[in-house]
Protein backbone atom coordinates (compact mmCIF):
# COMPACT_ATOMS: atom_id res chain seq x y z
CA UNK A 1 0.00 0.00 0.00
CA UNK A 2 1.17 3.52 -0.78
CA UNK A 3 0.81 6.08 2.01
CA UNK A 4 0.82 9.85 1.48
CA UNK A 5 1.48 12.69 3.90
CA UNK A 6 2.91 16.19 3.95
CA UNK A 7 6.37 16.87 5.37
CA UNK A 8 7.04 19.74 7.77
CA UNK A 9 8.25 21.84 4.83
CA UNK A 10 5.11 21.20 2.76
CA UNK A 11 6.41 18.53 0.39
CA UNK A 12 4.28 15.53 -0.51
CA UNK A 13 5.74 12.27 0.78
CA UNK A 14 4.67 8.86 -0.52
CA UNK A 15 5.87 5.79 1.39
CA UNK A 16 5.63 2.10 0.54
CA UNK A 17 6.89 -0.91 2.48
CA UNK A 18 7.08 -4.63 1.75
CA UNK A 19 8.03 -6.90 4.61
CA UNK A 20 9.69 -10.30 4.33
CA UNK A 21 7.03 -12.96 3.80
CA UNK A 22 6.38 -16.10 1.74
CA UNK A 23 6.57 -14.04 -1.50
CA UNK A 24 9.57 -11.89 -0.68
CA UNK A 25 12.92 -12.81 0.90
CA UNK A 26 13.64 -9.22 1.90
CA UNK A 27 12.25 -6.06 3.44
CA UNK A 28 11.87 -3.17 0.99
CA UNK A 29 10.94 0.43 1.57
CA UNK A 30 10.80 3.39 -0.76
CA UNK A 31 9.82 7.02 -0.47
CA UNK A 32 8.94 9.50 -3.20
CA UNK A 33 9.21 13.15 -2.12
CA UNK A 34 7.40 15.65 -4.37
CA UNK A 35 8.03 19.41 -4.23
CA UNK A 36 5.05 21.77 -4.07
CA UNK A 37 5.82 23.00 -7.61
CA UNK A 38 4.56 19.63 -8.89
CA UNK A 39 1.16 19.87 -7.16
CA UNK A 40 -0.52 21.75 -10.06
CA UNK A 41 0.83 19.11 -12.47
CA UNK A 42 -0.72 16.33 -10.38
CA UNK A 43 -4.09 18.12 -10.23
CA UNK A 44 -4.07 18.78 -14.01
CA UNK A 45 -2.91 15.28 -14.92
CA UNK A 46 -5.80 13.72 -13.04
CA UNK A 47 -8.37 16.42 -13.88
CA UNK A 48 -9.01 17.48 -10.30
CA UNK A 49 -9.74 20.82 -8.59
CA UNK A 50 -6.93 23.34 -8.61
CA UNK A 51 -7.85 24.83 -5.22
CA UNK A 52 -8.22 21.60 -3.25
CA UNK A 53 -5.59 20.54 -0.69
CA UNK A 54 -3.12 18.12 -2.25
CA UNK A 55 -3.90 15.30 0.21
CA UNK A 56 -7.56 15.56 -0.76
CA UNK A 57 -6.51 15.33 -4.42
CA UNK A 58 -4.44 12.20 -3.69
CA UNK A 59 -7.40 10.64 -1.87
CA UNK A 60 -9.65 11.37 -4.87
CA UNK A 61 -7.11 9.75 -7.21
CA UNK A 62 -7.07 6.61 -5.08
CA UNK A 63 -10.86 6.58 -4.62
CA UNK A 64 -11.32 6.80 -8.40
CA UNK A 65 -9.21 3.67 -8.92
CA UNK A 66 -6.28 5.54 -10.48
CA UNK A 67 -3.80 4.97 -7.66
CA UNK A 68 -1.72 2.62 -9.82
CA UNK A 69 -1.49 5.33 -12.46
CA UNK A 70 -0.21 7.75 -9.83
CA UNK A 71 2.30 5.18 -8.55
CA UNK A 72 3.55 4.52 -12.10
CA UNK A 73 3.92 8.26 -12.80
CA UNK A 74 6.03 8.59 -9.64
CA UNK A 75 8.15 5.55 -10.49
CA UNK A 76 8.78 6.77 -14.06
CA UNK A 77 9.45 10.29 -12.72
CA UNK A 78 6.66 11.68 -14.90
CA UNK A 79 5.76 13.48 -11.69
CA UNK A 80 9.13 14.83 -10.64
CA UNK A 81 10.25 13.50 -7.29
CA UNK A 82 13.19 12.46 -5.21
CA UNK A 83 13.37 8.70 -4.66
CA UNK A 84 14.84 7.03 -1.58
CA UNK A 85 15.02 3.23 -1.26
CA UNK A 86 16.11 0.74 1.35
CA UNK A 87 16.43 -3.07 1.07
CA UNK A 88 17.31 -5.55 3.80
CA UNK A 89 18.15 -9.19 2.98
PDB file of N, CA and C in Angstrom:
ATOM      1  N   UNK A   1       0.838  -1.170   0.000  1.00  0.00           N
ATOM      2  CA  UNK A   1       0.000   0.000   0.000  1.00  0.00           C
ATOM      3  C   UNK A   1       0.890   1.242   0.000  1.00  0.00           C
ATOM      4  N   UNK A   2       0.464   2.258  -0.691  1.00  0.00           N
ATOM      5  CA  UNK A   2       1.175   3.520  -0.782  1.00  0.00           C
ATOM      6  C   UNK A   2       0.519   4.523   0.161  1.00  0.00           C
ATOM      7  N   UNK A   3       1.314   5.097   1.059  1.00  0.00           N
ATOM      8  CA  UNK A   3       0.811   6.080   2.007  1.00  0.00           C
ATOM      9  C   UNK A   3       1.278   7.466   1.590  1.00  0.00           C
ATOM     10  N   UNK A   4       0.458   8.475   1.814  1.00  0.00           N
ATOM     11  CA  UNK A   4       0.825   9.853   1.477  1.00  0.00           C
ATOM     12  C   UNK A   4       0.645  10.739   2.700  1.00  0.00           C
ATOM     13  N   UNK A   5       1.556  11.711   2.818  1.00  0.00           N
ATOM     14  CA  UNK A   5       1.477  12.692   3.897  1.00  0.00           C
ATOM     15  C   UNK A   5       2.271  13.919   3.463  1.00  0.00           C
ATOM     16  N   UNK A   6       2.122  14.992   4.196  1.00  0.00           N
ATOM     17  CA  UNK A   6       2.911  16.195   3.946  1.00  0.00           C
ATOM     18  C   UNK A   6       4.047  16.264   4.953  1.00  0.00           C
ATOM     19  N   UNK A   7       5.232  16.675   4.477  1.00  0.00           N
ATOM     20  CA  UNK A   7       6.370  16.868   5.366  1.00  0.00           C
ATOM     21  C   UNK A   7       6.232  18.216   6.068  1.00  0.00           C
ATOM     22  N   UNK A   8       7.092  18.476   7.033  1.00  0.00           N
ATOM     23  CA  UNK A   8       7.039  19.738   7.771  1.00  0.00           C
ATOM     24  C   UNK A   8       7.307  20.948   6.879  1.00  0.00           C
ATOM     25  N   UNK A   9       8.001  20.731   5.744  1.00  0.00           N
ATOM     26  CA  UNK A   9       8.255  21.839   4.827  1.00  0.00           C
ATOM     27  C   UNK A   9       7.296  21.861   3.637  1.00  0.00           C
ATOM     28  N   UNK A  10       6.183  21.124   3.751  1.00  0.00           N
ATOM     29  CA  UNK A  10       5.107  21.202   2.765  1.00  0.00           C
ATOM     30  C   UNK A  10       5.264  20.348   1.532  1.00  0.00           C
ATOM     31  N   UNK A  11       6.245  19.441   1.531  1.00  0.00           N
ATOM     32  CA  UNK A  11       6.409  18.525   0.394  1.00  0.00           C
ATOM     33  C   UNK A  11       5.486  17.335   0.580  1.00  0.00           C
ATOM     34  N   UNK A  12       5.138  16.714  -0.526  1.00  0.00           N
ATOM     35  CA  UNK A  12       4.279  15.531  -0.512  1.00  0.00           C
ATOM     36  C   UNK A  12       5.175  14.304  -0.418  1.00  0.00           C
ATOM     37  N   UNK A  13       4.929  13.456   0.556  1.00  0.00           N
ATOM     38  CA  UNK A  13       5.742  12.268   0.777  1.00  0.00           C
ATOM     39  C   UNK A  13       4.888  11.023   0.605  1.00  0.00           C
ATOM     40  N   UNK A  14       5.312  10.159  -0.325  1.00  0.00           N
ATOM     41  CA  UNK A  14       4.675   8.860  -0.522  1.00  0.00           C
ATOM     42  C   UNK A  14       5.611   7.796   0.024  1.00  0.00           C
ATOM     43  N   UNK A  15       5.067   6.867   0.812  1.00  0.00           N
ATOM     44  CA  UNK A  15       5.871   5.793   1.387  1.00  0.00           C
ATOM     45  C   UNK A  15       5.237   4.442   1.067  1.00  0.00           C
ATOM     46  N   UNK A  16       6.091   3.449   0.829  1.00  0.00           N
ATOM     47  CA  UNK A  16       5.632   2.104   0.543  1.00  0.00           C
ATOM     48  C   UNK A  16       6.586   1.130   1.213  1.00  0.00           C
ATOM     49  N   UNK A  17       6.060   0.087   1.825  1.00  0.00           N
ATOM     50  CA  UNK A  17       6.889  -0.914   2.483  1.00  0.00           C
ATOM     51  C   UNK A  17       6.399  -2.313   2.140  1.00  0.00           C
ATOM     52  N   UNK A  18       7.349  -3.202   1.907  1.00  0.00           N
ATOM     53  CA  UNK A  18       7.077  -4.634   1.751  1.00  0.00           C
ATOM     54  C   UNK A  18       7.920  -5.332   2.806  1.00  0.00           C
ATOM     55  N   UNK A  19       7.293  -6.180   3.590  1.00  0.00           N
ATOM     56  CA  UNK A  19       8.026  -6.903   4.609  1.00  0.00           C
ATOM     57  C   UNK A  19       8.233  -8.347   4.177  1.00  0.00           C
ATOM     58  N   UNK A  20       9.334  -8.913   4.633  1.00  0.00           N
ATOM     59  CA  UNK A  20       9.688 -10.301   4.329  1.00  0.00           C
ATOM     60  C   UNK A  20       8.479 -11.194   4.624  1.00  0.00           C
ATOM     61  N   UNK A  21       8.141 -12.023   3.634  1.00  0.00           N
ATOM     62  CA  UNK A  21       7.032 -12.957   3.797  1.00  0.00           C
ATOM     63  C   UNK A  21       7.234 -14.130   2.839  1.00  0.00           C
ATOM     64  N   UNK A  22       6.228 -14.925   2.617  1.00  0.00           N
ATOM     65  CA  UNK A  22       6.383 -16.098   1.743  1.00  0.00           C
ATOM     66  C   UNK A  22       6.666 -15.718   0.287  1.00  0.00           C
ATOM     67  N   UNK A  23       6.304 -14.501  -0.122  1.00  0.00           N
ATOM     68  CA  UNK A  23       6.568 -14.043  -1.502  1.00  0.00           C
ATOM     69  C   UNK A  23       7.904 -13.342  -1.650  1.00  0.00           C
ATOM     70  N   UNK A  24       8.368 -12.707  -0.600  1.00  0.00           N
ATOM     71  CA  UNK A  24       9.572 -11.885  -0.675  1.00  0.00           C
ATOM     72  C   UNK A  24      10.579 -12.329   0.389  1.00  0.00           C
ATOM     73  N   UNK A  25      11.849 -12.430  -0.014  1.00  0.00           N
ATOM     74  CA  UNK A  25      12.922 -12.812   0.905  1.00  0.00           C
ATOM     75  C   UNK A  25      13.639 -11.591   1.471  1.00  0.00           C
ATOM     76  N   UNK A  26      12.995 -10.453   1.464  1.00  0.00           N
ATOM     77  CA  UNK A  26      13.638  -9.219   1.896  1.00  0.00           C
ATOM     78  C   UNK A  26      12.589  -8.221   2.382  1.00  0.00           C
ATOM     79  N   UNK A  27      13.064  -7.219   3.091  1.00  0.00           N
ATOM     80  CA  UNK A  27      12.253  -6.056   3.438  1.00  0.00           C
ATOM     81  C   UNK A  27      12.616  -4.966   2.445  1.00  0.00           C
ATOM     82  N   UNK A  28      11.632  -4.205   1.992  1.00  0.00           N
ATOM     83  CA  UNK A  28      11.872  -3.173   0.992  1.00  0.00           C
ATOM     84  C   UNK A  28      11.029  -1.959   1.342  1.00  0.00           C
ATOM     85  N   UNK A  29      11.650  -0.804   1.306  1.00  0.00           N
ATOM     86  CA  UNK A  29      10.936   0.433   1.572  1.00  0.00           C
ATOM     87  C   UNK A  29      11.370   1.470   0.548  1.00  0.00           C
ATOM     88  N   UNK A  30      10.418   2.256   0.074  1.00  0.00           N
ATOM     89  CA  UNK A  30      10.800   3.389  -0.759  1.00  0.00           C
ATOM     90  C   UNK A  30       9.937   4.585  -0.421  1.00  0.00           C
ATOM     91  N   UNK A  31      10.519   5.764  -0.703  1.00  0.00           N
ATOM     92  CA  UNK A  31       9.823   7.020  -0.471  1.00  0.00           C
ATOM     93  C   UNK A  31      10.008   7.909  -1.690  1.00  0.00           C
ATOM     94  N   UNK A  32       8.911   8.485  -2.148  1.00  0.00           N
ATOM     95  CA  UNK A  32       8.937   9.500  -3.198  1.00  0.00           C
ATOM     96  C   UNK A  32       8.589  10.829  -2.525  1.00  0.00           C
ATOM     97  N   UNK A  33       9.462  11.828  -2.669  1.00  0.00           N
ATOM     98  CA  UNK A  33       9.215  13.150  -2.122  1.00  0.00           C
ATOM     99  C   UNK A  33       8.980  14.113  -3.279  1.00  0.00           C
ATOM    100  N   UNK A  34       7.830  14.776  -3.266  1.00  0.00           N
ATOM    101  CA  UNK A  34       7.405  15.645  -4.371  1.00  0.00           C
ATOM    102  C   UNK A  34       7.352  17.086  -3.873  1.00  0.00           C
ATOM    103  N   UNK A  35       8.066  17.988  -4.571  1.00  0.00           N
ATOM    104  CA  UNK A  35       8.034  19.415  -4.231  1.00  0.00           C
ATOM    105  C   UNK A  35       6.671  20.016  -4.560  1.00  0.00           C
ATOM    106  N   UNK A  36       6.328  21.088  -3.871  1.00  0.00           N
ATOM    107  CA  UNK A  36       5.052  21.773  -4.067  1.00  0.00           C
ATOM    108  C   UNK A  36       4.847  22.244  -5.505  1.00  0.00           C
ATOM    109  N   UNK A  37       5.932  22.531  -6.220  1.00  0.00           N
ATOM    110  CA  UNK A  37       5.818  22.996  -7.609  1.00  0.00           C
ATOM    111  C   UNK A  37       5.145  21.961  -8.510  1.00  0.00           C
ATOM    112  N   UNK A  38       5.175  20.705  -8.103  1.00  0.00           N
ATOM    113  CA  UNK A  38       4.561  19.632  -8.892  1.00  0.00           C
ATOM    114  C   UNK A  38       3.067  19.461  -8.608  1.00  0.00           C
ATOM    115  N   UNK A  39       2.566  20.062  -7.534  1.00  0.00           N
ATOM    116  CA  UNK A  39       1.162  19.872  -7.156  1.00  0.00           C
ATOM    117  C   UNK A  39       0.198  20.255  -8.280  1.00  0.00           C
ATOM    118  N   UNK A  40       0.389  21.411  -8.955  1.00  0.00           N
ATOM    119  CA  UNK A  40      -0.519  21.753 -10.060  1.00  0.00           C
ATOM    120  C   UNK A  40      -0.480  20.710 -11.185  1.00  0.00           C
ATOM    121  N   UNK A  41       0.696  20.150 -11.435  1.00  0.00           N
ATOM    122  CA  UNK A  41       0.829  19.115 -12.474  1.00  0.00           C
ATOM    123  C   UNK A  41       0.011  17.868 -12.103  1.00  0.00           C
ATOM    124  N   UNK A  42       0.047  17.494 -10.839  1.00  0.00           N
ATOM    125  CA  UNK A  42      -0.723  16.326 -10.384  1.00  0.00           C
ATOM    126  C   UNK A  42      -2.212  16.593 -10.558  1.00  0.00           C
ATOM    127  N   UNK A  43      -2.662  17.775 -10.123  1.00  0.00           N
ATOM    128  CA  UNK A  43      -4.089  18.124 -10.234  1.00  0.00           C
ATOM    129  C   UNK A  43      -4.532  18.115 -11.700  1.00  0.00           C
ATOM    130  N   UNK A  44      -3.730  18.705 -12.573  1.00  0.00           N
ATOM    131  CA  UNK A  44      -4.069  18.777 -14.005  1.00  0.00           C
ATOM    132  C   UNK A  44      -4.058  17.393 -14.633  1.00  0.00           C
ATOM    133  N   UNK A  45      -3.040  16.618 -14.335  1.00  0.00           N
ATOM    134  CA  UNK A  45      -2.905  15.278 -14.923  1.00  0.00           C
ATOM    135  C   UNK A  45      -4.127  14.401 -14.633  1.00  0.00           C
ATOM    136  N   UNK A  46      -4.680  14.561 -13.432  1.00  0.00           N
ATOM    137  CA  UNK A  46      -5.805  13.723 -13.041  1.00  0.00           C
ATOM    138  C   UNK A  46      -7.145  14.454 -13.116  1.00  0.00           C
ATOM    139  N   UNK A  47      -7.137  15.676 -13.656  1.00  0.00           N
ATOM    140  CA  UNK A  47      -8.368  16.420 -13.884  1.00  0.00           C
ATOM    141  C   UNK A  47      -9.115  16.784 -12.610  1.00  0.00           C
ATOM    142  N   UNK A  48      -8.384  17.178 -11.581  1.00  0.00           N
ATOM    143  CA  UNK A  48      -9.008  17.482 -10.298  1.00  0.00           C
ATOM    144  C   UNK A  48      -8.865  18.953  -9.953  1.00  0.00           C
ATOM    145  N   UNK A  49      -9.653  19.420  -8.984  1.00  0.00           N
ATOM    146  CA  UNK A  49      -9.739  20.819  -8.594  1.00  0.00           C
ATOM    147  C   UNK A  49      -8.411  21.460  -8.258  1.00  0.00           C
ATOM    148  N   UNK A  50      -8.198  22.640  -8.786  1.00  0.00           N
ATOM    149  CA  UNK A  50      -6.926  23.340  -8.609  1.00  0.00           C
ATOM    150  C   UNK A  50      -6.806  24.022  -7.254  1.00  0.00           C
ATOM    151  N   UNK A  51      -7.901  24.145  -6.513  1.00  0.00           N
ATOM    152  CA  UNK A  51      -7.852  24.825  -5.225  1.00  0.00           C
ATOM    153  C   UNK A  51      -7.926  23.857  -4.040  1.00  0.00           C
ATOM    154  N   UNK A  52      -8.066  22.575  -4.324  1.00  0.00           N
ATOM    155  CA  UNK A  52      -8.215  21.604  -3.247  1.00  0.00           C
ATOM    156  C   UNK A  52      -6.859  21.267  -2.625  1.00  0.00           C
ATOM    157  N   UNK A  53      -6.839  20.974  -1.334  1.00  0.00           N
ATOM    158  CA  UNK A  53      -5.591  20.543  -0.693  1.00  0.00           C
ATOM    159  C   UNK A  53      -5.049  19.287  -1.383  1.00  0.00           C
ATOM    160  N   UNK A  54      -3.732  19.202  -1.487  1.00  0.00           N
ATOM    161  CA  UNK A  54      -3.124  18.115  -2.252  1.00  0.00           C
ATOM    162  C   UNK A  54      -3.449  16.737  -1.672  1.00  0.00           C
ATOM    163  N   UNK A  55      -3.554  16.611  -0.346  1.00  0.00           N
ATOM    164  CA  UNK A  55      -3.899  15.298   0.207  1.00  0.00           C
ATOM    165  C   UNK A  55      -5.315  14.890  -0.164  1.00  0.00           C
ATOM    166  N   UNK A  56      -6.214  15.843  -0.287  1.00  0.00           N
ATOM    167  CA  UNK A  56      -7.565  15.562  -0.762  1.00  0.00           C
ATOM    168  C   UNK A  56      -7.524  15.097  -2.215  1.00  0.00           C
ATOM    169  N   UNK A  57      -6.673  15.725  -3.009  1.00  0.00           N
ATOM    170  CA  UNK A  57      -6.507  15.326  -4.416  1.00  0.00           C
ATOM    171  C   UNK A  57      -5.987  13.893  -4.496  1.00  0.00           C
ATOM    172  N   UNK A  58      -4.992  13.559  -3.691  1.00  0.00           N
ATOM    173  CA  UNK A  58      -4.436  12.202  -3.685  1.00  0.00           C
ATOM    174  C   UNK A  58      -5.507  11.195  -3.279  1.00  0.00           C
ATOM    175  N   UNK A  59      -6.316  11.530  -2.293  1.00  0.00           N
ATOM    176  CA  UNK A  59      -7.404  10.640  -1.868  1.00  0.00           C
ATOM    177  C   UNK A  59      -8.392  10.421  -3.008  1.00  0.00           C
ATOM    178  N   UNK A  60      -8.736  11.484  -3.733  1.00  0.00           N
ATOM    179  CA  UNK A  60      -9.653  11.366  -4.868  1.00  0.00           C
ATOM    180  C   UNK A  60      -9.069  10.485  -5.970  1.00  0.00           C
ATOM    181  N   UNK A  61      -7.769  10.603  -6.201  1.00  0.00           N
ATOM    182  CA  UNK A  61      -7.114   9.753  -7.210  1.00  0.00           C
ATOM    183  C   UNK A  61      -7.244   8.294  -6.807  1.00  0.00           C
ATOM    184  N   UNK A  62      -6.957   7.990  -5.557  1.00  0.00           N
ATOM    185  CA  UNK A  62      -7.075   6.611  -5.079  1.00  0.00           C
ATOM    186  C   UNK A  62      -8.510   6.124  -5.098  1.00  0.00           C
ATOM    187  N   UNK A  63      -9.448   6.974  -4.651  1.00  0.00           N
ATOM    188  CA  UNK A  63     -10.859   6.583  -4.625  1.00  0.00           C
ATOM    189  C   UNK A  63     -11.410   6.324  -6.020  1.00  0.00           C
ATOM    190  N   UNK A  64     -10.843   6.985  -7.023  1.00  0.00           N
ATOM    191  CA  UNK A  64     -11.319   6.802  -8.399  1.00  0.00           C
ATOM    192  C   UNK A  64     -10.705   5.573  -9.073  1.00  0.00           C
ATOM    193  N   UNK A  65      -9.835   4.862  -8.352  1.00  0.00           N
ATOM    194  CA  UNK A  65      -9.213   3.666  -8.923  1.00  0.00           C
ATOM    195  C   UNK A  65      -7.987   3.952  -9.771  1.00  0.00           C
ATOM    196  N   UNK A  66      -7.438   5.169  -9.661  1.00  0.00           N
ATOM    197  CA  UNK A  66      -6.283   5.540 -10.480  1.00  0.00           C
ATOM    198  C   UNK A  66      -4.982   5.592  -9.677  1.00  0.00           C
ATOM    199  N   UNK A  67      -4.990   4.975  -8.512  1.00  0.00           N
ATOM    200  CA  UNK A  67      -3.801   4.970  -7.661  1.00  0.00           C
ATOM    201  C   UNK A  67      -2.596   4.335  -8.331  1.00  0.00           C
ATOM    202  N   UNK A  68      -2.830   3.275  -9.114  1.00  0.00           N
ATOM    203  CA  UNK A  68      -1.718   2.625  -9.819  1.00  0.00           C
ATOM    204  C   UNK A  68      -1.129   3.551 -10.879  1.00  0.00           C
ATOM    205  N   UNK A  69      -1.976   4.352 -11.491  1.00  0.00           N
ATOM    206  CA  UNK A  69      -1.493   5.335 -12.464  1.00  0.00           C
ATOM    207  C   UNK A  69      -0.604   6.374 -11.772  1.00  0.00           C
ATOM    208  N   UNK A  70      -1.010   6.808 -10.601  1.00  0.00           N
ATOM    209  CA  UNK A  70      -0.206   7.747  -9.827  1.00  0.00           C
ATOM    210  C   UNK A  70       1.122   7.114  -9.439  1.00  0.00           C
ATOM    211  N   UNK A  71       1.082   5.887  -8.942  1.00  0.00           N
ATOM    212  CA  UNK A  71       2.301   5.182  -8.547  1.00  0.00           C
ATOM    213  C   UNK A  71       3.252   5.031  -9.734  1.00  0.00           C
ATOM    214  N   UNK A  72       2.727   4.666 -10.887  1.00  0.00           N
ATOM    215  CA  UNK A  72       3.547   4.516 -12.100  1.00  0.00           C
ATOM    216  C   UNK A  72       4.173   5.844 -12.512  1.00  0.00           C
ATOM    217  N   UNK A  73       3.395   6.935 -12.440  1.00  0.00           N
ATOM    218  CA  UNK A  73       3.915   8.261 -12.799  1.00  0.00           C
ATOM    219  C   UNK A  73       5.048   8.674 -11.856  1.00  0.00           C
ATOM    220  N   UNK A  74       4.952   8.309 -10.582  1.00  0.00           N
ATOM    221  CA  UNK A  74       6.033   8.587  -9.644  1.00  0.00           C
ATOM    222  C   UNK A  74       7.264   7.741  -9.963  1.00  0.00           C
ATOM    223  N   UNK A  75       7.050   6.459 -10.204  1.00  0.00           N
ATOM    224  CA  UNK A  75       8.152   5.546 -10.491  1.00  0.00           C
ATOM    225  C   UNK A  75       8.905   5.947 -11.763  1.00  0.00           C
ATOM    226  N   UNK A  76       8.162   6.366 -12.792  1.00  0.00           N
ATOM    227  CA  UNK A  76       8.780   6.765 -14.059  1.00  0.00           C
ATOM    228  C   UNK A  76       9.253   8.215 -14.036  1.00  0.00           C
ATOM    229  N   UNK A  77       9.085   8.894 -12.905  1.00  0.00           N
ATOM    230  CA  UNK A  77       9.453  10.293 -12.717  1.00  0.00           C
ATOM    231  C   UNK A  77       8.714  11.225 -13.680  1.00  0.00           C
ATOM    232  N   UNK A  78       7.528  10.802 -14.120  1.00  0.00           N
ATOM    233  CA  UNK A  78       6.662  11.685 -14.903  1.00  0.00           C
ATOM    234  C   UNK A  78       6.128  12.794 -14.004  1.00  0.00           C
ATOM    235  N   UNK A  79       5.963  12.483 -12.730  1.00  0.00           N
ATOM    236  CA  UNK A  79       5.756  13.476 -11.689  1.00  0.00           C
ATOM    237  C   UNK A  79       7.111  13.570 -11.001  1.00  0.00           C
ATOM    238  N   UNK A  80       7.765  14.695 -11.153  1.00  0.00           N
ATOM    239  CA  UNK A  80       9.129  14.833 -10.640  1.00  0.00           C
ATOM    240  C   UNK A  80       9.159  14.629  -9.138  1.00  0.00           C
ATOM    241  N   UNK A  81      10.131  13.812  -8.696  1.00  0.00           N
ATOM    242  CA  UNK A  81      10.248  13.504  -7.286  1.00  0.00           C
ATOM    243  C   UNK A  81      11.646  13.012  -6.971  1.00  0.00           C
ATOM    244  N   UNK A  82      11.945  13.031  -5.696  1.00  0.00           N
ATOM    245  CA  UNK A  82      13.195  12.462  -5.209  1.00  0.00           C
ATOM    246  C   UNK A  82      12.876  11.088  -4.648  1.00  0.00           C
ATOM    247  N   UNK A  83      13.628  10.075  -5.083  1.00  0.00           N
ATOM    248  CA  UNK A  83      13.375   8.695  -4.665  1.00  0.00           C
ATOM    249  C   UNK A  83      14.431   8.251  -3.658  1.00  0.00           C
ATOM    250  N   UNK A  84      13.977   7.642  -2.570  1.00  0.00           N
ATOM    251  CA  UNK A  84      14.840   7.032  -1.575  1.00  0.00           C
ATOM    252  C   UNK A  84      14.400   5.587  -1.417  1.00  0.00           C
ATOM    253  N   UNK A  85      15.354   4.654  -1.416  1.00  0.00           N
ATOM    254  CA  UNK A  85      15.019   3.227  -1.256  1.00  0.00           C
ATOM    255  C   UNK A  85      15.899   2.586  -0.199  1.00  0.00           C
ATOM    256  N   UNK A  86      15.386   1.506   0.361  1.00  0.00           N
ATOM    257  CA  UNK A  86      16.106   0.737   1.347  1.00  0.00           C
ATOM    258  C   UNK A  86      15.688  -0.725   1.194  1.00  0.00           C
ATOM    259  N   UNK A  87      16.689  -1.637   1.181  1.00  0.00           N
ATOM    260  CA  UNK A  87      16.426  -3.067   1.066  1.00  0.00           C
ATOM    261  C   UNK A  87      17.241  -3.776   2.140  1.00  0.00           C
ATOM    262  N   UNK A  88      16.625  -4.748   2.795  1.00  0.00           N
ATOM    263  CA  UNK A  88      17.315  -5.552   3.796  1.00  0.00           C
ATOM    264  C   UNK A  88      17.118  -7.027   3.445  1.00  0.00           C
ATOM    265  N   UNK A  89      18.204  -7.752   3.306  1.00  0.00           N
ATOM    266  CA  UNK A  89      18.150  -9.190   2.975  1.00  0.00           C
ATOM    267  C   UNK A  89      18.358 -10.040   4.176  1.00  0.00           C
TER     268      UNK A  89
END
